[in-house]
């Protein structure tokens, strides 16, 4: 089980790191590339509302939306590269914009892979816990009855040792109000003891 716990911790750290990298790349794409192109597009193409729309900042800040906007803006600005360069943009600004969008896509993909690793480690740990509970229950069935027959003074100690202390998961109760059910969540404040 410790191998699964280590794996879960490592994959959780990997996921957190990948999420941080994705956020940084998202900010870089937005601030260093999309925003300057959008602002310059408003200035350079005042009389072309369709092009201004194509070069506008995306409405949302989601990763996929930013990636799509970066690729789209690179295509639209690429056809008018000479105007952007004359306004002070570098010769390779379109390539840099595309690369920033690709970098963000790679970071998002890596983050997804790390999330999968974390889920797998958690699943492995839960399987090990279930196996451990099954073994304790088997031992309880064998040893518990023997102790009751031969060592009455040890039965209480044995029962204490074979209990699993855990916090019960939230219980969702649904109350019918009219025709639409309203979910409510109840979370216990004390741990429950479950005998083997």
N, C-alpha and C. Protein backbone atom coordinates (compact mmCIF):
# COMPACT_ATOMS: atom_id res chain seq x y z
N UNK A 1 0.82 -1.18 0.00
CA UNK A 1 0.00 0.00 0.00
C UNK A 1 0.87 1.25 0.00
N UNK A 2 2.03 1.19 0.63
CA UNK A 2 2.88 2.38 0.68
C UNK A 2 3.35 2.76 -0.72
N UNK A 3 3.53 1.76 -1.59
CA UNK A 3 3.92 2.08 -2.97
C UNK A 3 2.82 2.87 -3.67
N UNK A 4 1.57 2.51 -3.40
CA UNK A 4 0.45 3.25 -3.99
C UNK A 4 0.36 4.66 -3.41
N UNK A 5 0.60 4.77 -2.11
CA UNK A 5 0.55 6.10 -1.48
C UNK A 5 1.64 6.99 -2.04
N UNK A 6 2.84 6.42 -2.22
CA UNK A 6 3.94 7.18 -2.82
C UNK A 6 3.59 7.56 -4.25
N UNK A 7 3.02 6.61 -4.99
CA UNK A 7 2.62 6.88 -6.36
C UNK A 7 1.55 7.97 -6.44
N UNK A 8 0.61 7.92 -5.50
CA UNK A 8 -0.45 8.92 -5.48
C UNK A 8 0.14 10.30 -5.15
N UNK A 9 1.04 10.36 -4.19
CA UNK A 9 1.66 11.63 -3.84
C UNK A 9 2.48 12.18 -5.01
N UNK A 10 3.26 11.31 -5.63
CA UNK A 10 4.10 11.75 -6.76
C UNK A 10 3.24 12.22 -7.92
N UNK A 11 2.19 11.47 -8.22
CA UNK A 11 1.34 11.88 -9.35
C UNK A 11 0.54 13.14 -9.01
N UNK A 12 0.18 13.30 -7.75
CA UNK A 12 -0.52 14.52 -7.34
C UNK A 12 0.41 15.72 -7.49
N UNK A 13 1.67 15.56 -7.08
CA UNK A 13 2.63 16.64 -7.26
C UNK A 13 2.87 16.92 -8.73
N UNK A 14 2.94 15.86 -9.53
CA UNK A 14 3.10 16.02 -10.98
C UNK A 14 1.93 16.77 -11.60
N UNK A 15 0.72 16.43 -11.14
CA UNK A 15 -0.47 17.11 -11.65
C UNK A 15 -0.46 18.58 -11.26
N UNK A 16 -0.14 18.87 -9.99
CA UNK A 16 -0.10 20.27 -9.54
C UNK A 16 0.94 21.06 -10.32
N UNK A 17 2.08 20.45 -10.56
CA UNK A 17 3.13 21.11 -11.33
C UNK A 17 2.68 21.36 -12.77
N UNK A 18 2.05 20.35 -13.37
CA UNK A 18 1.57 20.49 -14.75
C UNK A 18 0.47 21.55 -14.82
N UNK A 19 -0.37 21.63 -13.81
CA UNK A 19 -1.43 22.66 -13.79
C UNK A 19 -0.81 24.05 -13.70
N UNK A 20 0.24 24.19 -12.91
CA UNK A 20 0.92 25.48 -12.79
C UNK A 20 1.56 25.88 -14.12
N UNK A 21 2.20 24.93 -14.78
CA UNK A 21 2.82 25.21 -16.08
C UNK A 21 1.75 25.62 -17.09
N UNK A 22 0.62 24.93 -17.08
CA UNK A 22 -0.46 25.27 -18.02
C UNK A 22 -0.98 26.68 -17.75
N UNK A 23 -1.14 27.04 -16.47
CA UNK A 23 -1.60 28.40 -16.14
C UNK A 23 -0.59 29.44 -16.62
N UNK A 24 0.70 29.17 -16.42
CA UNK A 24 1.73 30.11 -16.85
C UNK A 24 1.74 30.27 -18.37
N UNK A 25 1.62 29.17 -19.08
CA UNK A 25 1.60 29.24 -20.55
C UNK A 25 0.33 29.93 -21.04
N UNK A 26 -0.76 29.74 -20.33
CA UNK A 26 -2.01 30.41 -20.67
C UNK A 26 -1.86 31.92 -20.52
N UNK A 27 -1.28 32.34 -19.40
CA UNK A 27 -1.06 33.77 -19.19
C UNK A 27 -0.13 34.35 -20.24
N UNK A 28 0.91 33.61 -20.57
CA UNK A 28 1.87 34.08 -21.58
C UNK A 28 1.18 34.23 -22.94
N UNK A 29 0.41 33.24 -23.34
CA UNK A 29 -0.30 33.32 -24.62
C UNK A 29 -1.24 34.51 -24.62
N UNK A 30 -1.98 34.68 -23.54
CA UNK A 30 -2.96 35.75 -23.47
C UNK A 30 -2.31 37.13 -23.47
N UNK A 31 -1.33 37.32 -22.58
CA UNK A 31 -0.76 38.66 -22.39
C UNK A 31 0.30 39.04 -23.41
N UNK A 32 1.15 38.10 -23.78
CA UNK A 32 2.27 38.43 -24.66
C UNK A 32 1.91 38.34 -26.14
N UNK A 33 0.85 37.60 -26.49
CA UNK A 33 0.55 37.39 -27.90
C UNK A 33 -0.86 37.82 -28.28
N UNK A 34 -1.87 37.24 -27.64
CA UNK A 34 -3.24 37.52 -28.07
C UNK A 34 -3.63 38.98 -27.85
N UNK A 35 -3.37 39.50 -26.67
CA UNK A 35 -3.76 40.88 -26.36
C UNK A 35 -3.08 41.90 -27.28
N UNK A 36 -1.76 41.84 -27.51
CA UNK A 36 -1.15 42.81 -28.43
C UNK A 36 -1.71 42.72 -29.85
N UNK A 37 -1.95 41.50 -30.34
CA UNK A 37 -2.49 41.35 -31.69
C UNK A 37 -3.91 41.92 -31.74
N UNK A 38 -4.71 41.65 -30.71
CA UNK A 38 -6.08 42.16 -30.68
C UNK A 38 -6.10 43.68 -30.64
N UNK A 39 -5.27 44.27 -29.79
CA UNK A 39 -5.25 45.73 -29.69
C UNK A 39 -4.75 46.37 -30.98
N UNK A 40 -3.72 45.80 -31.59
CA UNK A 40 -3.21 46.34 -32.85
C UNK A 40 -4.22 46.12 -33.97
N UNK A 41 -4.95 45.01 -33.91
CA UNK A 41 -5.98 44.77 -34.92
C UNK A 41 -7.06 45.82 -34.90
N UNK A 42 -7.44 46.26 -33.69
CA UNK A 42 -8.43 47.34 -33.57
C UNK A 42 -7.91 48.62 -34.21
N UNK A 43 -6.62 48.90 -34.02
CA UNK A 43 -6.03 50.13 -34.55
C UNK A 43 -5.82 50.05 -36.06
N UNK A 44 -5.27 48.95 -36.52
CA UNK A 44 -4.93 48.83 -37.94
C UNK A 44 -6.14 48.63 -38.84
N UNK A 45 -7.16 48.00 -38.35
CA UNK A 45 -8.28 47.61 -39.21
C UNK A 45 -9.61 48.19 -38.70
N UNK A 46 -9.60 49.48 -38.42
CA UNK A 46 -10.80 50.17 -37.92
C UNK A 46 -11.99 50.03 -38.86
N UNK A 47 -11.72 50.02 -40.15
CA UNK A 47 -12.80 50.01 -41.14
C UNK A 47 -13.18 48.60 -41.59
N UNK A 48 -12.65 47.58 -40.95
CA UNK A 48 -12.95 46.20 -41.33
C UNK A 48 -13.46 45.45 -40.09
N UNK A 49 -14.79 45.54 -39.81
CA UNK A 49 -15.32 44.93 -38.59
C UNK A 49 -15.16 43.41 -38.57
N UNK A 50 -15.22 42.76 -39.71
CA UNK A 50 -15.07 41.30 -39.75
C UNK A 50 -13.65 40.90 -39.32
N UNK A 51 -12.65 41.61 -39.80
CA UNK A 51 -11.27 41.30 -39.42
C UNK A 51 -11.02 41.66 -37.96
N UNK A 52 -11.59 42.78 -37.51
CA UNK A 52 -11.44 43.14 -36.10
C UNK A 52 -12.04 42.05 -35.21
N UNK A 53 -13.16 41.49 -35.63
CA UNK A 53 -13.79 40.40 -34.88
C UNK A 53 -12.87 39.17 -34.87
N UNK A 54 -12.28 38.86 -36.03
CA UNK A 54 -11.39 37.69 -36.12
C UNK A 54 -10.14 37.86 -35.26
N UNK A 55 -9.74 39.10 -35.01
CA UNK A 55 -8.54 39.36 -34.23
C UNK A 55 -8.85 39.77 -32.79
N UNK A 56 -10.11 39.68 -32.38
CA UNK A 56 -10.51 40.08 -31.02
C UNK A 56 -10.12 39.00 -30.01
N UNK A 57 -9.98 39.44 -28.77
CA UNK A 57 -9.70 38.51 -27.67
C UNK A 57 -10.90 37.56 -27.51
N UNK A 58 -10.64 36.30 -27.15
CA UNK A 58 -11.75 35.37 -26.93
C UNK A 58 -12.55 35.78 -25.69
N UNK A 59 -13.82 35.41 -25.68
CA UNK A 59 -14.70 35.76 -24.57
C UNK A 59 -14.29 35.06 -23.28
N UNK A 60 -13.98 33.78 -23.36
CA UNK A 60 -13.64 33.03 -22.16
C UNK A 60 -12.15 32.87 -22.00
N UNK A 61 -11.77 32.38 -20.84
CA UNK A 61 -10.36 32.20 -20.55
C UNK A 61 -9.97 30.73 -20.46
N UNK A 62 -10.85 29.85 -20.91
CA UNK A 62 -10.53 28.42 -20.87
C UNK A 62 -9.38 28.09 -21.80
N UNK A 63 -8.64 27.05 -21.45
CA UNK A 63 -7.46 26.69 -22.23
C UNK A 63 -7.79 26.42 -23.70
N UNK A 64 -8.81 25.62 -23.94
CA UNK A 64 -9.15 25.26 -25.32
C UNK A 64 -9.52 26.50 -26.14
N UNK A 65 -10.25 27.39 -25.52
CA UNK A 65 -10.66 28.61 -26.20
C UNK A 65 -9.44 29.48 -26.54
N UNK A 66 -8.50 29.58 -25.61
CA UNK A 66 -7.28 30.36 -25.86
C UNK A 66 -6.43 29.73 -26.96
N UNK A 67 -6.32 28.42 -26.95
CA UNK A 67 -5.55 27.73 -27.99
C UNK A 67 -6.17 27.97 -29.35
N UNK A 68 -7.49 27.80 -29.44
CA UNK A 68 -8.18 28.02 -30.71
C UNK A 68 -8.04 29.47 -31.17
N UNK A 69 -8.15 30.40 -30.23
CA UNK A 69 -8.00 31.82 -30.59
C UNK A 69 -6.59 32.11 -31.07
N UNK A 70 -5.59 31.51 -30.43
CA UNK A 70 -4.21 31.73 -30.85
C UNK A 70 -3.96 31.26 -32.26
N UNK A 71 -4.45 30.09 -32.58
CA UNK A 71 -4.25 29.54 -33.94
C UNK A 71 -5.03 30.37 -34.96
N UNK A 72 -6.26 30.72 -34.62
CA UNK A 72 -7.08 31.51 -35.53
C UNK A 72 -6.49 32.90 -35.75
N UNK A 73 -6.07 33.54 -34.66
CA UNK A 73 -5.49 34.89 -34.80
C UNK A 73 -4.20 34.85 -35.60
N UNK A 74 -3.42 33.80 -35.44
CA UNK A 74 -2.18 33.66 -36.22
C UNK A 74 -2.50 33.55 -37.71
N UNK A 75 -3.54 32.81 -38.05
CA UNK A 75 -3.92 32.68 -39.46
C UNK A 75 -4.40 34.02 -40.03
N UNK A 76 -5.25 34.71 -39.29
CA UNK A 76 -5.79 35.98 -39.79
C UNK A 76 -4.72 37.07 -39.83
N UNK A 77 -3.88 37.12 -38.81
CA UNK A 77 -2.82 38.14 -38.80
C UNK A 77 -1.73 37.79 -39.80
N UNK A 78 -1.53 36.51 -40.06
CA UNK A 78 -0.50 36.08 -41.01
C UNK A 78 -0.74 36.61 -42.41
N UNK A 79 -1.99 36.73 -42.80
CA UNK A 79 -2.31 37.28 -44.12
C UNK A 79 -2.04 38.77 -44.21
N UNK A 80 -1.86 39.41 -43.08
CA UNK A 80 -1.59 40.86 -43.05
C UNK A 80 -0.32 41.13 -42.24
N UNK A 81 0.60 40.22 -42.32
CA UNK A 81 1.85 40.29 -41.58
C UNK A 81 2.57 41.61 -41.81
N UNK A 82 2.61 42.09 -43.06
CA UNK A 82 3.35 43.31 -43.38
C UNK A 82 2.82 44.52 -42.61
N UNK A 83 1.51 44.59 -42.40
CA UNK A 83 0.94 45.71 -41.65
C UNK A 83 1.33 45.64 -40.18
N UNK A 84 1.33 44.43 -39.62
CA UNK A 84 1.74 44.26 -38.21
C UNK A 84 3.23 44.56 -38.03
N UNK A 85 4.05 44.10 -38.97
CA UNK A 85 5.50 44.35 -38.89
C UNK A 85 5.77 45.85 -39.01
N UNK A 86 5.06 46.53 -39.92
CA UNK A 86 5.23 47.98 -40.07
C UNK A 86 4.82 48.72 -38.80
N UNK A 87 3.90 48.11 -38.02
CA UNK A 87 3.44 48.74 -36.78
C UNK A 87 4.35 48.40 -35.59
N UNK A 88 5.40 47.59 -35.83
CA UNK A 88 6.37 47.33 -34.77
C UNK A 88 6.45 45.88 -34.31
N UNK A 89 5.65 45.00 -34.84
CA UNK A 89 5.74 43.58 -34.48
C UNK A 89 6.96 42.97 -35.15
N UNK A 90 7.50 41.92 -34.55
CA UNK A 90 8.64 41.23 -35.12
C UNK A 90 8.25 40.45 -36.37
N UNK A 91 9.22 40.19 -37.21
CA UNK A 91 8.97 39.44 -38.45
C UNK A 91 8.36 38.06 -38.18
N UNK A 92 8.72 37.46 -37.07
CA UNK A 92 8.27 36.10 -36.77
C UNK A 92 7.14 36.06 -35.74
N UNK A 93 6.40 37.15 -35.58
CA UNK A 93 5.36 37.18 -34.54
C UNK A 93 4.28 36.13 -34.78
N UNK A 94 3.97 35.83 -36.03
CA UNK A 94 2.94 34.83 -36.32
C UNK A 94 3.42 33.45 -35.88
N UNK A 95 4.68 33.14 -36.18
CA UNK A 95 5.24 31.85 -35.77
C UNK A 95 5.31 31.75 -34.24
N UNK A 96 5.66 32.85 -33.59
CA UNK A 96 5.71 32.85 -32.12
C UNK A 96 4.31 32.65 -31.53
N UNK A 97 3.32 33.28 -32.14
CA UNK A 97 1.95 33.14 -31.67
C UNK A 97 1.48 31.70 -31.81
N UNK A 98 1.76 31.10 -32.97
CA UNK A 98 1.38 29.69 -33.17
C UNK A 98 2.10 28.79 -32.16
N UNK A 99 3.39 29.06 -31.94
CA UNK A 99 4.17 28.23 -31.02
C UNK A 99 3.65 28.36 -29.60
N UNK A 100 3.25 29.56 -29.20
CA UNK A 100 2.70 29.75 -27.85
C UNK A 100 1.40 28.95 -27.70
N UNK A 101 0.58 28.90 -28.73
CA UNK A 101 -0.66 28.12 -28.68
C UNK A 101 -0.34 26.62 -28.61
N UNK A 102 0.65 26.17 -29.39
CA UNK A 102 1.05 24.76 -29.36
C UNK A 102 1.64 24.40 -28.00
N UNK A 103 2.44 25.29 -27.42
CA UNK A 103 3.01 25.05 -26.09
C UNK A 103 1.92 24.89 -25.03
N UNK A 104 0.91 25.73 -25.11
CA UNK A 104 -0.19 25.62 -24.17
C UNK A 104 -0.93 24.29 -24.37
N UNK A 105 -1.15 23.89 -25.61
CA UNK A 105 -1.83 22.62 -25.89
C UNK A 105 -1.03 21.45 -25.30
N UNK A 106 0.29 21.48 -25.45
CA UNK A 106 1.12 20.41 -24.90
C UNK A 106 1.04 20.40 -23.37
N UNK A 107 1.04 21.58 -22.76
CA UNK A 107 0.95 21.65 -21.30
C UNK A 107 -0.39 21.11 -20.81
N UNK A 108 -1.46 21.41 -21.52
CA UNK A 108 -2.79 20.91 -21.14
C UNK A 108 -2.84 19.39 -21.30
N UNK A 109 -2.25 18.88 -22.38
CA UNK A 109 -2.22 17.43 -22.59
C UNK A 109 -1.42 16.74 -21.49
N UNK A 110 -0.29 17.31 -21.11
CA UNK A 110 0.53 16.72 -20.05
C UNK A 110 -0.21 16.75 -18.72
N UNK A 111 -0.94 17.82 -18.47
CA UNK A 111 -1.73 17.92 -17.24
C UNK A 111 -2.78 16.80 -17.21
N UNK A 112 -3.39 16.51 -18.34
CA UNK A 112 -4.38 15.44 -18.41
C UNK A 112 -3.74 14.07 -18.12
N UNK A 113 -2.54 13.87 -18.64
CA UNK A 113 -1.83 12.61 -18.38
C UNK A 113 -1.54 12.47 -16.89
N UNK A 114 -1.11 13.55 -16.26
CA UNK A 114 -0.81 13.51 -14.83
C UNK A 114 -2.07 13.23 -14.01
N UNK A 115 -3.19 13.78 -14.44
CA UNK A 115 -4.45 13.52 -13.76
C UNK A 115 -4.80 12.04 -13.85
N UNK A 116 -4.56 11.43 -15.00
CA UNK A 116 -4.79 9.99 -15.17
C UNK A 116 -3.91 9.16 -14.25
N UNK A 117 -2.63 9.55 -14.12
CA UNK A 117 -1.73 8.84 -13.21
C UNK A 117 -2.21 8.94 -11.77
N UNK A 118 -2.68 10.12 -11.40
CA UNK A 118 -3.16 10.32 -10.03
C UNK A 118 -4.38 9.44 -9.77
N UNK A 119 -5.29 9.39 -10.73
CA UNK A 119 -6.49 8.56 -10.56
C UNK A 119 -6.12 7.08 -10.46
N UNK A 120 -5.15 6.65 -11.25
CA UNK A 120 -4.73 5.25 -11.21
C UNK A 120 -4.10 4.91 -9.86
N UNK A 121 -3.28 5.80 -9.34
CA UNK A 121 -2.66 5.56 -8.03
C UNK A 121 -3.71 5.51 -6.93
N UNK A 122 -4.69 6.38 -7.00
CA UNK A 122 -5.77 6.38 -6.00
C UNK A 122 -6.55 5.08 -6.08
N UNK A 123 -6.84 4.63 -7.28
CA UNK A 123 -7.57 3.38 -7.45
C UNK A 123 -6.78 2.20 -6.88
N UNK A 124 -5.48 2.18 -7.15
CA UNK A 124 -4.64 1.11 -6.62
C UNK A 124 -4.62 1.10 -5.11
N UNK A 125 -4.56 2.28 -4.51
CA UNK A 125 -4.54 2.37 -3.06
C UNK A 125 -5.87 1.89 -2.48
N UNK A 126 -6.98 2.25 -3.12
CA UNK A 126 -8.29 1.81 -2.64
C UNK A 126 -8.43 0.29 -2.76
N UNK A 127 -7.87 -0.29 -3.81
CA UNK A 127 -7.90 -1.75 -3.96
C UNK A 127 -7.10 -2.43 -2.86
N UNK A 128 -5.95 -1.86 -2.52
CA UNK A 128 -5.13 -2.42 -1.44
C UNK A 128 -5.86 -2.33 -0.10
N UNK A 129 -6.53 -1.20 0.15
CA UNK A 129 -7.30 -1.07 1.38
C UNK A 129 -8.41 -2.11 1.45
N UNK A 130 -9.08 -2.34 0.33
CA UNK A 130 -10.15 -3.34 0.30
C UNK A 130 -9.59 -4.74 0.59
N UNK A 131 -8.43 -5.05 0.01
CA UNK A 131 -7.81 -6.34 0.29
C UNK A 131 -7.44 -6.48 1.76
N UNK A 132 -6.92 -5.40 2.33
CA UNK A 132 -6.58 -5.41 3.75
C UNK A 132 -7.79 -5.65 4.62
N UNK A 133 -8.90 -4.99 4.30
CA UNK A 133 -10.14 -5.19 5.06
C UNK A 133 -10.62 -6.64 4.94
N UNK A 134 -10.53 -7.19 3.73
CA UNK A 134 -10.95 -8.59 3.54
C UNK A 134 -10.09 -9.53 4.39
N UNK A 135 -8.78 -9.27 4.45
CA UNK A 135 -7.91 -10.12 5.26
C UNK A 135 -8.23 -10.00 6.75
N UNK A 136 -8.49 -8.79 7.21
CA UNK A 136 -8.83 -8.61 8.62
C UNK A 136 -10.16 -9.30 8.92
N UNK A 137 -11.10 -9.22 8.03
CA UNK A 137 -12.38 -9.91 8.25
C UNK A 137 -12.19 -11.43 8.31
N UNK A 138 -11.33 -11.95 7.43
CA UNK A 138 -11.03 -13.38 7.44
C UNK A 138 -10.37 -13.78 8.76
N UNK A 139 -9.39 -12.99 9.18
CA UNK A 139 -8.75 -13.27 10.47
C UNK A 139 -9.75 -13.18 11.62
N UNK A 140 -10.62 -12.20 11.57
CA UNK A 140 -11.61 -12.04 12.62
C UNK A 140 -12.52 -13.26 12.70
N UNK A 141 -12.90 -13.76 11.55
CA UNK A 141 -13.76 -14.94 11.54
C UNK A 141 -13.05 -16.14 12.16
N UNK A 142 -11.76 -16.26 11.90
CA UNK A 142 -11.01 -17.41 12.41
C UNK A 142 -10.59 -17.20 13.87
N UNK A 143 -9.98 -16.07 14.17
CA UNK A 143 -9.41 -15.83 15.49
C UNK A 143 -10.48 -15.41 16.49
N UNK A 144 -11.44 -14.61 16.04
CA UNK A 144 -12.46 -14.11 16.95
C UNK A 144 -13.22 -15.22 17.64
N UNK A 145 -13.65 -16.21 16.89
CA UNK A 145 -14.41 -17.32 17.51
C UNK A 145 -13.51 -18.14 18.43
N UNK A 146 -12.25 -18.32 18.07
CA UNK A 146 -11.31 -19.06 18.93
C UNK A 146 -11.11 -18.32 20.25
N UNK A 147 -10.95 -16.99 20.16
CA UNK A 147 -10.77 -16.20 21.38
C UNK A 147 -12.00 -16.29 22.28
N UNK A 148 -13.19 -16.27 21.71
CA UNK A 148 -14.41 -16.36 22.51
C UNK A 148 -14.47 -17.68 23.26
N UNK A 149 -13.95 -18.74 22.63
CA UNK A 149 -13.98 -20.05 23.27
C UNK A 149 -12.86 -20.23 24.30
N UNK A 150 -11.69 -19.62 24.06
CA UNK A 150 -10.52 -19.92 24.89
C UNK A 150 -9.99 -18.75 25.73
N UNK A 151 -10.20 -17.53 25.31
CA UNK A 151 -9.60 -16.40 26.02
C UNK A 151 -10.60 -15.24 26.08
N UNK A 152 -11.62 -15.37 26.91
CA UNK A 152 -12.68 -14.36 26.99
C UNK A 152 -12.14 -12.98 27.31
N UNK A 153 -11.06 -12.89 28.08
CA UNK A 153 -10.53 -11.60 28.48
C UNK A 153 -9.88 -10.85 27.30
N UNK A 154 -9.61 -11.52 26.21
CA UNK A 154 -8.98 -10.89 25.05
C UNK A 154 -9.96 -10.52 23.93
N UNK A 155 -11.20 -10.88 24.07
CA UNK A 155 -12.18 -10.63 23.01
C UNK A 155 -12.37 -9.14 22.77
N UNK A 156 -12.52 -8.37 23.82
CA UNK A 156 -12.73 -6.91 23.65
C UNK A 156 -11.52 -6.27 22.98
N UNK A 157 -10.33 -6.70 23.38
CA UNK A 157 -9.11 -6.17 22.76
C UNK A 157 -9.07 -6.52 21.27
N UNK A 158 -9.42 -7.76 20.95
CA UNK A 158 -9.42 -8.20 19.56
C UNK A 158 -10.42 -7.39 18.73
N UNK A 159 -11.60 -7.16 19.27
CA UNK A 159 -12.61 -6.40 18.53
C UNK A 159 -12.15 -4.97 18.29
N UNK A 160 -11.45 -4.41 19.26
CA UNK A 160 -10.92 -3.05 19.10
C UNK A 160 -9.86 -3.03 18.00
N UNK A 161 -9.01 -4.02 17.97
CA UNK A 161 -7.94 -4.07 16.97
C UNK A 161 -8.46 -4.29 15.55
N UNK A 162 -9.59 -4.95 15.42
CA UNK A 162 -10.08 -5.29 14.08
C UNK A 162 -11.12 -4.31 13.55
N UNK A 163 -11.31 -3.20 14.22
CA UNK A 163 -12.25 -2.19 13.73
C UNK A 163 -11.56 -1.28 12.73
N UNK A 164 -12.32 -0.82 11.78
CA UNK A 164 -11.84 0.15 10.80
C UNK A 164 -12.43 1.50 11.14
N UNK A 165 -11.60 2.46 11.39
CA UNK A 165 -12.06 3.81 11.67
C UNK A 165 -12.04 4.56 10.35
N UNK A 166 -13.17 5.12 9.98
CA UNK A 166 -13.25 5.90 8.74
C UNK A 166 -14.37 6.90 8.87
N UNK A 167 -14.24 7.95 8.13
CA UNK A 167 -15.29 8.95 8.08
C UNK A 167 -16.22 8.52 6.96
N UNK A 168 -17.47 8.38 7.27
CA UNK A 168 -18.44 7.95 6.26
C UNK A 168 -18.56 9.03 5.19
N UNK A 169 -18.72 8.62 3.93
CA UNK A 169 -18.89 9.61 2.87
C UNK A 169 -20.20 10.36 3.04
N UNK A 170 -20.29 11.56 2.46
CA UNK A 170 -21.54 12.32 2.58
C UNK A 170 -22.71 11.53 2.03
N UNK A 171 -23.82 11.59 2.72
CA UNK A 171 -25.03 10.90 2.31
C UNK A 171 -25.93 11.91 1.64
N UNK A 172 -26.34 11.60 0.43
CA UNK A 172 -27.24 12.52 -0.28
C UNK A 172 -28.67 12.04 -0.08
N UNK A 173 -29.44 12.88 0.49
CA UNK A 173 -30.86 12.58 0.69
C UNK A 173 -31.65 13.47 -0.25
N UNK A 174 -32.63 12.90 -0.87
CA UNK A 174 -33.44 13.66 -1.81
C UNK A 174 -34.83 13.82 -1.21
N UNK A 175 -35.24 15.06 -1.06
CA UNK A 175 -36.57 15.34 -0.55
C UNK A 175 -37.46 15.76 -1.71
N UNK A 176 -38.61 15.19 -1.77
CA UNK A 176 -39.53 15.54 -2.84
C UNK A 176 -40.28 16.81 -2.46
N UNK A 177 -40.08 17.85 -3.25
CA UNK A 177 -40.80 19.11 -3.05
C UNK A 177 -41.54 19.38 -4.34
N UNK A 178 -42.83 19.25 -4.30
CA UNK A 178 -43.59 19.40 -5.54
C UNK A 178 -43.21 18.29 -6.50
N UNK A 179 -42.89 18.68 -7.73
CA UNK A 179 -42.50 17.67 -8.72
C UNK A 179 -41.00 17.63 -8.93
N UNK A 180 -40.25 18.61 -8.39
CA UNK A 180 -38.80 18.65 -8.58
C UNK A 180 -38.08 18.24 -7.30
N UNK A 181 -37.24 17.20 -7.37
CA UNK A 181 -36.50 16.78 -6.18
C UNK A 181 -35.40 17.80 -5.86
N UNK A 182 -35.16 18.00 -4.55
CA UNK A 182 -34.12 18.91 -4.10
C UNK A 182 -33.08 18.10 -3.35
N UNK A 183 -31.83 17.99 -3.89
CA UNK A 183 -30.81 17.20 -3.19
C UNK A 183 -30.27 17.96 -1.99
N UNK A 184 -30.06 17.22 -0.89
CA UNK A 184 -29.41 17.80 0.28
C UNK A 184 -28.27 16.88 0.67
N UNK A 185 -27.23 17.43 1.27
CA UNK A 185 -26.07 16.66 1.66
C UNK A 185 -25.90 16.71 3.16
N UNK A 186 -25.72 15.55 3.77
CA UNK A 186 -25.50 15.47 5.20
C UNK A 186 -24.12 14.88 5.42
N UNK A 187 -23.27 15.58 6.17
CA UNK A 187 -21.93 15.09 6.45
C UNK A 187 -21.80 14.85 7.95
N UNK A 188 -21.46 13.60 8.35
CA UNK A 188 -21.32 13.33 9.78
C UNK A 188 -20.12 14.08 10.35
N UNK A 189 -20.21 14.45 11.63
CA UNK A 189 -19.11 15.18 12.26
C UNK A 189 -18.23 14.26 13.09
N UNK A 190 -18.67 13.05 13.33
CA UNK A 190 -17.84 12.11 14.09
C UNK A 190 -17.57 10.89 13.23
N UNK A 191 -16.39 10.28 13.38
CA UNK A 191 -16.10 9.09 12.60
C UNK A 191 -16.95 7.91 13.05
N UNK A 192 -17.25 7.06 12.10
CA UNK A 192 -18.02 5.87 12.40
C UNK A 192 -17.05 4.70 12.58
N UNK A 193 -17.36 3.81 13.48
CA UNK A 193 -16.56 2.63 13.68
C UNK A 193 -17.28 1.48 13.04
N UNK A 194 -16.57 0.73 12.21
CA UNK A 194 -17.15 -0.40 11.53
C UNK A 194 -16.43 -1.66 11.98
N UNK A 195 -17.16 -2.58 12.52
CA UNK A 195 -16.55 -3.85 12.97
C UNK A 195 -16.21 -4.68 11.76
N UNK A 196 -15.22 -5.53 11.92
CA UNK A 196 -14.78 -6.39 10.83
C UNK A 196 -15.81 -7.41 10.47
